[in-house]
N, C-alpha and C. Protein backbone atom coordinates (compact mmCIF):
# COMPACT_ATOMS: atom_id res chain seq x y z
N UNK A 1 0.84 -1.18 0.00
CA UNK A 1 0.00 0.00 0.00
C UNK A 1 0.88 1.24 0.00
N UNK A 2 0.53 2.23 -0.79
CA UNK A 2 1.24 3.49 -0.81
C UNK A 2 0.86 4.27 0.44
N UNK A 3 1.85 4.87 1.10
CA UNK A 3 1.58 5.58 2.35
C UNK A 3 2.59 6.71 2.55
N UNK A 4 2.27 7.59 3.44
CA UNK A 4 3.20 8.63 3.87
C UNK A 4 4.20 7.98 4.82
N UNK A 5 5.47 8.32 4.72
CA UNK A 5 6.49 7.69 5.55
C UNK A 5 7.02 8.59 6.66
N UNK A 6 6.59 9.84 6.72
CA UNK A 6 7.04 10.72 7.79
C UNK A 6 6.79 12.17 7.42
N UNK A 7 7.16 13.06 8.30
CA UNK A 7 7.00 14.49 8.06
C UNK A 7 8.22 14.97 7.27
N UNK A 8 7.98 15.58 6.15
CA UNK A 8 9.06 16.05 5.30
C UNK A 8 9.49 17.48 5.61
N UNK A 9 8.67 18.23 6.31
CA UNK A 9 9.03 19.59 6.65
C UNK A 9 7.92 20.27 7.42
N UNK A 10 8.28 21.31 8.11
CA UNK A 10 7.32 22.16 8.81
C UNK A 10 7.60 23.58 8.33
N UNK A 11 6.61 24.20 7.72
CA UNK A 11 6.79 25.51 7.13
C UNK A 11 5.82 26.49 7.78
N UNK A 12 6.31 27.65 8.16
CA UNK A 12 5.45 28.64 8.79
C UNK A 12 6.01 30.02 8.55
N UNK A 13 5.16 30.99 8.64
CA UNK A 13 5.56 32.39 8.44
C UNK A 13 6.21 32.94 9.71
N UNK A 14 7.10 33.90 9.52
CA UNK A 14 7.76 34.54 10.66
C UNK A 14 8.00 36.00 10.33
N UNK A 15 7.97 36.85 11.34
CA UNK A 15 8.27 38.27 11.14
C UNK A 15 9.73 38.46 10.75
N UNK A 16 10.62 37.65 11.35
CA UNK A 16 12.05 37.74 11.07
C UNK A 16 12.58 36.31 10.95
N UNK A 17 12.45 35.69 9.76
CA UNK A 17 12.84 34.29 9.59
C UNK A 17 14.28 33.99 10.00
N UNK A 18 15.22 34.86 9.67
CA UNK A 18 16.62 34.60 10.01
C UNK A 18 16.83 34.56 11.52
N UNK A 19 16.25 35.54 12.23
CA UNK A 19 16.40 35.57 13.69
C UNK A 19 15.71 34.38 14.34
N UNK A 20 14.54 34.01 13.83
CA UNK A 20 13.83 32.89 14.41
C UNK A 20 14.57 31.58 14.15
N UNK A 21 15.11 31.42 12.94
CA UNK A 21 15.91 30.24 12.63
C UNK A 21 17.10 30.15 13.58
N UNK A 22 17.73 31.29 13.84
CA UNK A 22 18.86 31.34 14.77
C UNK A 22 18.44 30.93 16.18
N UNK A 23 17.28 31.39 16.64
CA UNK A 23 16.78 31.05 17.98
C UNK A 23 16.59 29.54 18.10
N UNK A 24 15.97 28.92 17.10
CA UNK A 24 15.77 27.46 17.13
C UNK A 24 17.11 26.72 17.11
N UNK A 25 18.09 27.24 16.36
CA UNK A 25 19.41 26.61 16.30
C UNK A 25 20.13 26.72 17.64
N UNK A 26 20.16 27.91 18.21
CA UNK A 26 20.90 28.16 19.45
C UNK A 26 20.27 27.44 20.64
N UNK A 27 18.96 27.54 20.80
CA UNK A 27 18.32 27.04 22.01
C UNK A 27 17.81 25.61 21.93
N UNK A 28 17.53 25.12 20.72
CA UNK A 28 16.97 23.78 20.60
C UNK A 28 17.81 22.85 19.74
N UNK A 29 18.88 23.38 19.16
CA UNK A 29 19.78 22.53 18.38
C UNK A 29 19.24 22.11 17.03
N UNK A 30 18.21 22.79 16.55
CA UNK A 30 17.67 22.47 15.23
C UNK A 30 18.53 23.20 14.21
N UNK A 31 19.27 22.43 13.45
CA UNK A 31 20.21 23.01 12.51
C UNK A 31 19.61 23.14 11.13
N UNK A 32 20.02 24.13 10.43
CA UNK A 32 19.62 24.35 9.04
C UNK A 32 20.89 24.59 8.22
N UNK A 33 21.56 23.51 7.84
CA UNK A 33 22.78 23.70 7.03
C UNK A 33 22.45 24.31 5.67
N UNK A 34 23.47 24.48 4.85
CA UNK A 34 23.32 25.15 3.56
C UNK A 34 22.18 24.58 2.73
N UNK A 35 21.90 23.29 2.88
CA UNK A 35 20.84 22.67 2.08
C UNK A 35 19.49 22.73 2.78
N UNK A 36 19.42 23.41 3.91
CA UNK A 36 18.18 23.63 4.65
C UNK A 36 17.48 22.33 5.05
N UNK A 37 18.25 21.35 5.50
CA UNK A 37 17.69 20.08 5.93
C UNK A 37 18.16 19.78 7.35
N UNK A 38 17.24 19.44 8.20
CA UNK A 38 17.54 19.03 9.57
C UNK A 38 17.44 17.51 9.61
N UNK A 39 18.54 16.82 9.79
CA UNK A 39 18.55 15.36 9.84
C UNK A 39 18.17 14.93 11.25
N UNK A 40 16.98 14.37 11.38
CA UNK A 40 16.45 13.97 12.68
C UNK A 40 16.88 12.56 13.05
N UNK A 41 16.77 12.29 14.34
CA UNK A 41 16.92 10.91 14.80
C UNK A 41 15.57 10.23 14.65
N UNK A 42 15.59 8.95 14.34
CA UNK A 42 14.34 8.20 14.19
C UNK A 42 13.64 8.09 15.53
N UNK A 43 12.35 8.07 15.50
CA UNK A 43 11.56 7.93 16.72
C UNK A 43 10.11 8.20 16.43
N UNK A 44 9.28 8.11 17.45
CA UNK A 44 7.84 8.28 17.24
C UNK A 44 7.48 9.72 16.89
N UNK A 45 6.45 9.86 16.08
CA UNK A 45 5.87 11.16 15.74
C UNK A 45 4.37 11.06 15.92
N UNK A 46 3.79 11.99 16.64
CA UNK A 46 2.35 12.01 16.86
C UNK A 46 1.73 13.01 15.88
N UNK A 47 0.70 12.59 15.18
CA UNK A 47 -0.05 13.45 14.28
C UNK A 47 -1.47 13.47 14.82
N UNK A 48 -1.88 14.58 15.45
CA UNK A 48 -3.14 14.56 16.17
C UNK A 48 -3.87 15.88 16.09
N UNK A 49 -4.90 15.97 15.26
CA UNK A 49 -5.74 17.16 15.29
C UNK A 49 -6.48 17.26 16.64
N UNK A 50 -6.65 18.47 17.13
CA UNK A 50 -7.38 18.71 18.38
C UNK A 50 -8.70 19.39 18.06
N UNK A 51 -9.66 19.25 18.94
CA UNK A 51 -10.94 19.95 18.79
C UNK A 51 -10.66 21.46 18.74
N UNK A 52 -11.47 22.18 18.01
CA UNK A 52 -11.29 23.63 17.87
C UNK A 52 -11.36 24.35 19.21
N UNK A 53 -12.09 23.81 20.19
CA UNK A 53 -12.22 24.47 21.49
C UNK A 53 -11.29 23.87 22.54
N UNK A 54 -10.29 23.10 22.13
CA UNK A 54 -9.34 22.50 23.07
C UNK A 54 -8.59 23.58 23.85
N UNK A 55 -8.31 23.31 25.11
CA UNK A 55 -7.49 24.24 25.89
C UNK A 55 -6.08 23.67 26.10
N UNK A 56 -5.70 22.67 25.30
CA UNK A 56 -4.38 22.07 25.42
C UNK A 56 -3.27 23.05 25.05
N UNK A 57 -3.58 23.99 24.13
CA UNK A 57 -2.67 25.10 23.85
C UNK A 57 -3.50 26.34 23.55
N UNK A 58 -2.85 27.47 23.44
CA UNK A 58 -3.54 28.77 23.37
C UNK A 58 -4.58 28.83 22.25
N UNK A 59 -5.73 29.39 22.58
CA UNK A 59 -6.85 29.48 21.65
C UNK A 59 -6.54 30.34 20.43
N UNK A 60 -5.59 31.26 20.55
CA UNK A 60 -5.27 32.13 19.41
C UNK A 60 -4.24 31.51 18.46
N UNK A 61 -3.88 30.28 18.71
CA UNK A 61 -2.90 29.56 17.87
C UNK A 61 -3.56 28.36 17.21
N UNK A 62 -3.29 28.17 15.93
CA UNK A 62 -3.88 27.05 15.21
C UNK A 62 -3.05 25.78 15.32
N UNK A 63 -1.81 25.91 15.74
CA UNK A 63 -0.97 24.73 15.84
C UNK A 63 0.06 24.91 16.94
N UNK A 64 0.62 23.80 17.38
CA UNK A 64 1.69 23.78 18.37
C UNK A 64 2.74 22.80 17.86
N UNK A 65 3.98 23.17 17.97
CA UNK A 65 5.08 22.31 17.58
C UNK A 65 5.43 21.40 18.76
N UNK A 66 5.57 20.11 18.53
CA UNK A 66 6.00 19.17 19.55
C UNK A 66 7.36 18.64 19.12
N UNK A 67 8.36 18.82 19.98
CA UNK A 67 9.71 18.36 19.67
C UNK A 67 10.12 17.26 20.64
N UNK A 68 10.57 16.15 20.10
CA UNK A 68 11.04 15.02 20.89
C UNK A 68 12.46 15.33 21.35
N UNK A 69 12.73 15.12 22.65
CA UNK A 69 14.06 15.41 23.21
C UNK A 69 14.59 14.19 23.95
N UNK A 70 15.92 14.16 24.14
CA UNK A 70 16.52 13.01 24.81
C UNK A 70 16.86 13.26 26.28
N UNK A 71 16.83 14.53 26.71
CA UNK A 71 17.15 14.86 28.10
C UNK A 71 16.35 16.11 28.49
N UNK A 72 15.10 15.91 28.84
CA UNK A 72 14.22 17.04 29.11
C UNK A 72 14.73 17.88 30.28
N UNK A 73 15.16 17.24 31.35
CA UNK A 73 15.67 18.01 32.51
C UNK A 73 16.84 18.90 32.12
N UNK A 74 17.77 18.33 31.36
CA UNK A 74 18.94 19.08 30.93
C UNK A 74 18.56 20.25 30.03
N UNK A 75 17.63 20.01 29.12
CA UNK A 75 17.19 21.08 28.22
C UNK A 75 16.45 22.17 28.98
N UNK A 76 15.62 21.78 29.93
CA UNK A 76 14.92 22.77 30.75
C UNK A 76 15.93 23.66 31.48
N UNK A 77 16.95 23.06 32.05
CA UNK A 77 17.97 23.84 32.77
C UNK A 77 18.68 24.80 31.82
N UNK A 78 19.03 24.32 30.62
CA UNK A 78 19.72 25.17 29.65
C UNK A 78 18.83 26.32 29.18
N UNK A 79 17.56 26.03 28.93
CA UNK A 79 16.64 27.08 28.49
C UNK A 79 16.42 28.12 29.60
N UNK A 80 16.23 27.64 30.82
CA UNK A 80 16.03 28.55 31.95
C UNK A 80 17.26 29.45 32.14
N UNK A 81 18.45 28.87 31.98
CA UNK A 81 19.69 29.65 32.12
C UNK A 81 19.78 30.72 31.04
N UNK A 82 19.15 30.48 29.90
CA UNK A 82 19.15 31.46 28.81
C UNK A 82 18.01 32.47 28.96
N UNK A 83 17.24 32.36 30.05
CA UNK A 83 16.15 33.30 30.30
C UNK A 83 14.86 32.96 29.57
N UNK A 84 14.73 31.73 29.10
CA UNK A 84 13.52 31.31 28.40
C UNK A 84 12.58 30.66 29.41
N UNK A 85 11.37 31.18 29.50
CA UNK A 85 10.38 30.65 30.44
C UNK A 85 9.98 29.24 30.02
N UNK A 86 10.01 28.34 30.99
CA UNK A 86 9.64 26.94 30.74
C UNK A 86 8.50 26.58 31.69
N UNK A 87 7.41 26.06 31.13
CA UNK A 87 6.27 25.63 31.93
C UNK A 87 6.25 24.12 32.01
N UNK A 88 5.98 23.62 33.21
CA UNK A 88 5.77 22.18 33.42
C UNK A 88 4.52 22.03 34.27
N UNK A 89 3.80 20.92 34.06
CA UNK A 89 2.62 20.63 34.86
C UNK A 89 2.53 19.13 35.03
N UNK A 90 2.28 18.69 36.24
CA UNK A 90 2.20 17.25 36.52
C UNK A 90 1.11 16.59 35.69
N UNK A 91 0.00 17.30 35.42
CA UNK A 91 -1.08 16.66 34.66
C UNK A 91 -0.69 16.42 33.20
N UNK A 92 0.31 17.12 32.66
CA UNK A 92 0.78 16.82 31.32
C UNK A 92 1.47 15.46 31.28
N UNK A 93 2.16 15.11 32.36
CA UNK A 93 2.90 13.84 32.42
C UNK A 93 2.03 12.66 32.82
N UNK A 94 0.93 12.94 33.52
CA UNK A 94 0.07 11.84 33.98
C UNK A 94 0.88 10.81 34.77
N UNK A 95 0.70 9.55 34.43
CA UNK A 95 1.44 8.50 35.13
C UNK A 95 2.75 8.16 34.42
N UNK A 96 3.13 8.95 33.43
CA UNK A 96 4.38 8.74 32.73
C UNK A 96 4.28 7.79 31.54
N UNK A 97 3.09 7.27 31.29
CA UNK A 97 2.90 6.33 30.19
C UNK A 97 3.39 6.90 28.87
N UNK A 98 3.13 8.19 28.65
CA UNK A 98 3.51 8.81 27.38
C UNK A 98 4.80 9.61 27.47
N UNK A 99 5.42 9.62 28.65
CA UNK A 99 6.66 10.36 28.83
C UNK A 99 6.45 11.61 29.66
N UNK A 100 7.39 12.55 29.51
CA UNK A 100 7.34 13.81 30.26
C UNK A 100 7.34 14.98 29.28
N UNK A 101 6.73 16.10 29.73
CA UNK A 101 6.49 17.23 28.85
C UNK A 101 6.85 18.55 29.52
N UNK A 102 7.18 19.52 28.71
CA UNK A 102 7.38 20.91 29.15
C UNK A 102 6.94 21.78 27.98
N UNK A 103 6.71 23.06 28.26
CA UNK A 103 6.29 23.99 27.21
C UNK A 103 7.15 25.24 27.24
N UNK A 104 7.45 25.73 26.06
CA UNK A 104 8.10 27.02 25.89
C UNK A 104 7.39 27.73 24.72
N UNK A 105 7.78 28.96 24.46
CA UNK A 105 7.28 29.69 23.30
C UNK A 105 8.48 30.30 22.59
N UNK A 106 8.46 30.26 21.28
CA UNK A 106 9.55 30.91 20.55
C UNK A 106 9.35 32.42 20.62
N UNK A 107 10.31 33.21 20.13
CA UNK A 107 10.20 34.67 20.24
C UNK A 107 8.97 35.26 19.56
N UNK A 108 8.33 34.51 18.64
CA UNK A 108 7.14 35.02 17.98
C UNK A 108 5.86 34.44 18.57
N UNK A 109 5.99 33.75 19.71
CA UNK A 109 4.82 33.27 20.44
C UNK A 109 4.32 31.88 20.07
N UNK A 110 5.00 31.19 19.19
CA UNK A 110 4.58 29.84 18.82
C UNK A 110 4.78 28.89 20.00
N UNK A 111 3.72 28.18 20.41
CA UNK A 111 3.88 27.23 21.50
C UNK A 111 4.68 26.01 21.04
N UNK A 112 5.62 25.60 21.88
CA UNK A 112 6.46 24.45 21.60
C UNK A 112 6.36 23.50 22.77
N UNK A 113 5.91 22.29 22.51
CA UNK A 113 5.87 21.27 23.54
C UNK A 113 7.14 20.44 23.40
N UNK A 114 7.85 20.30 24.49
CA UNK A 114 9.06 19.47 24.53
C UNK A 114 8.66 18.15 25.15
N UNK A 115 8.98 17.05 24.48
CA UNK A 115 8.51 15.74 24.88
C UNK A 115 9.65 14.75 24.97
N UNK A 116 9.82 14.18 26.14
CA UNK A 116 10.77 13.07 26.30
C UNK A 116 9.94 11.79 26.42
N UNK A 117 9.93 10.96 25.35
CA UNK A 117 9.15 9.72 25.42
C UNK A 117 9.66 8.83 26.55
N UNK A 118 8.82 7.90 27.02
CA UNK A 118 9.29 6.99 28.07
C UNK A 118 10.40 6.09 27.55
N UNK A 119 11.23 5.61 28.44
CA UNK A 119 12.32 4.70 28.04
C UNK A 119 11.80 3.42 27.45
């Protein structure tokens, strides 16, 4: 059967694309080499539309970026040291079945969920 094999890219508008690209590179390690390709590590990807009235992320945003990380505690510490507000809530983690989560926002207000899947 013919099928989609993964996400090929995430494209969005920005007020200052170069500065925003730099922010993602510096704080989250998302690189954009000369060929504009970020080579990811293999792992799970969740594709999940939410109800229009969901309060899982801000009502004025149509989407939220979820990034899989390998050391959430370490990344939280690094982001906090850089002055980036990091939100955590026990109810996001539940019993840990799906892993652990934190939230940040990029300089243009895009919500970013940081997700460390369970071992």
